[in-house]
C-alpha cells in the first residue's frame, strides 16, 4: 500500500474531478467511479468479488460495491437501465467513497 495520506489526497482529487460528470451524466460516470471505488477497496484490503466477499470482515461493504458494479456493467453493455437504478448505483458508490475515505483517514 502507498502512503495513506497520499492515497486519500489522490482519491479526493479524483472524486472531485468526477463530480461534474456524476451530476451531468451519471450513467457515463459509472465506469470511472467504479474503478476509483475498486482501487480504494483493494488498497484498504477489501475483496472485490462475490466469492471473496464470503470471507470479508464486512461483507455488506462488498455487497454494496457488487450491486453498484452490476448496474454499471449493464450500462456499459448498452442495456436499458432505469434512471432510478443508475441513481442507486451512484448513491452506493458515493456512500462507499465516504466510508472508505473515513476508514483511510483513521489509519
Protein backbone atom coordinates (compact mmCIF):
# COMPACT_ATOMS: atom_id res chain seq x y z
CA UNK A 1 0.00 0.00 0.00
CA UNK A 2 1.14 3.50 -0.78
CA UNK A 3 1.33 6.10 1.99
CA UNK A 4 -2.20 6.53 3.39
CA UNK A 5 -2.25 10.34 3.24
CA UNK A 6 -1.21 10.29 -0.38
CA UNK A 7 -3.90 7.77 -1.25
CA UNK A 8 -6.56 9.90 0.42
CA UNK A 9 -5.41 13.01 -1.41
CA UNK A 10 -5.38 11.18 -4.75
CA UNK A 11 -8.83 9.70 -4.11
CA UNK A 12 -10.29 13.05 -3.07
CA UNK A 13 -8.81 14.76 -6.12
CA UNK A 14 -10.14 12.08 -8.44
CA UNK A 15 -13.61 12.14 -6.85
CA UNK A 16 -13.77 15.93 -7.14
CA UNK A 17 -12.85 15.61 -10.81
CA UNK A 18 -15.65 13.10 -11.35
CA UNK A 19 -18.35 15.09 -9.53
CA UNK A 20 -19.37 17.24 -12.55
CA UNK A 21 -19.77 14.11 -14.69
CA UNK A 22 -21.71 12.37 -11.91
CA UNK A 23 -24.12 15.31 -11.79
CA UNK A 24 -24.41 15.92 -15.56
CA UNK A 25 -24.20 12.37 -16.94
CA UNK A 26 -24.39 9.78 -14.15
CA UNK A 27 -24.58 6.79 -16.50
CA UNK A 28 -21.39 7.89 -18.22
CA UNK A 29 -19.68 8.43 -14.86
CA UNK A 30 -20.41 4.93 -13.56
CA UNK A 31 -17.38 3.13 -15.06
CA UNK A 32 -14.92 5.74 -13.82
CA UNK A 33 -16.48 5.87 -10.37
CA UNK A 34 -16.45 2.07 -10.27
CA UNK A 35 -12.71 1.98 -10.99
CA UNK A 36 -12.00 4.53 -8.25
CA UNK A 37 -14.02 2.64 -5.64
CA UNK A 38 -12.45 -0.65 -6.68
CA UNK A 39 -8.95 0.81 -6.19
CA UNK A 40 -9.95 2.16 -2.79
CA UNK A 41 -11.36 -1.19 -1.71
CA UNK A 42 -8.22 -3.02 -2.83
CA UNK A 43 -5.89 -0.52 -1.14
CA UNK A 44 -7.84 -0.89 2.12
CA UNK A 45 -7.76 -4.68 1.93
CA UNK A 46 -11.35 -5.40 0.90
CA UNK A 47 -12.21 -8.14 -1.57
CA UNK A 48 -13.91 -7.09 -4.79
CA UNK A 49 -15.56 -10.29 -5.95
CA UNK A 50 -18.62 -12.15 -4.74
CA UNK A 51 -16.59 -15.27 -3.96
CA UNK A 52 -14.15 -13.35 -1.79
CA UNK A 53 -16.98 -11.44 -0.08
CA UNK A 54 -17.95 -14.50 1.95
CA UNK A 55 -14.67 -14.22 3.84
CA UNK A 56 -14.75 -10.43 4.23
CA UNK A 57 -14.80 -8.81 7.63
CA UNK A 58 -17.63 -6.55 6.39
CA UNK A 59 -19.49 -8.37 3.60
CA UNK A 60 -22.06 -5.54 3.41
CA UNK A 61 -19.43 -3.19 2.00
CA UNK A 62 -18.56 -5.69 -0.71
CA UNK A 63 -22.24 -6.41 -1.41
CA UNK A 64 -22.94 -2.69 -1.92
CA UNK A 65 -19.99 -2.45 -4.31
CA UNK A 66 -21.07 -5.53 -6.26
CA UNK A 67 -24.64 -4.24 -6.67
CA UNK A 68 -23.40 -0.88 -7.96
CA UNK A 69 -21.00 -2.73 -10.24
CA UNK A 70 -23.85 -4.91 -11.58
CA UNK A 71 -25.71 -1.78 -12.67
CA UNK A 72 -22.51 -0.30 -14.10
CA UNK A 73 -21.94 -3.45 -16.15
CA UNK A 74 -25.49 -3.26 -17.55
CA UNK A 75 -24.94 0.35 -18.58
CA UNK A 76 -21.58 -0.48 -20.18
CA UNK A 77 -23.20 -3.36 -22.08
CA UNK A 78 -25.75 -0.96 -23.58
CA UNK A 79 -28.68 -2.45 -21.70
CA UNK A 80 -31.72 -0.31 -20.91
CA UNK A 81 -31.28 0.66 -17.26
CA UNK A 82 -33.84 2.56 -15.24
CA UNK A 83 -32.58 6.00 -14.23
CA UNK A 84 -33.51 5.14 -10.64
CA UNK A 85 -31.13 2.19 -10.75
CA UNK A 86 -28.37 4.43 -12.09
CA UNK A 87 -29.07 6.84 -9.24
CA UNK A 88 -28.96 3.96 -6.76
CA UNK A 89 -25.58 2.88 -8.12
CA UNK A 90 -24.22 6.43 -7.83
CA UNK A 91 -25.59 6.65 -4.28
CA UNK A 92 -23.99 3.30 -3.42
CA UNK A 93 -20.64 4.36 -4.82
CA UNK A 94 -20.87 7.71 -3.01
CA UNK A 95 -21.60 6.06 0.34
CA UNK A 96 -18.73 3.63 -0.21
CA UNK A 97 -16.43 6.50 -1.11
CA UNK A 98 -17.28 8.33 2.10
CA UNK A 99 -16.96 5.18 4.21
CA UNK A 100 -13.64 4.18 2.68
CA UNK A 101 -12.22 7.70 2.82
CA UNK A 102 -13.14 7.88 6.51
CA UNK A 103 -11.55 4.50 7.09
CA UNK A 104 -8.36 5.61 5.34
CA UNK A 105 -8.24 8.75 7.49
CA UNK A 106 -8.42 6.69 10.68
CA UNK A 107 -5.44 4.53 9.70
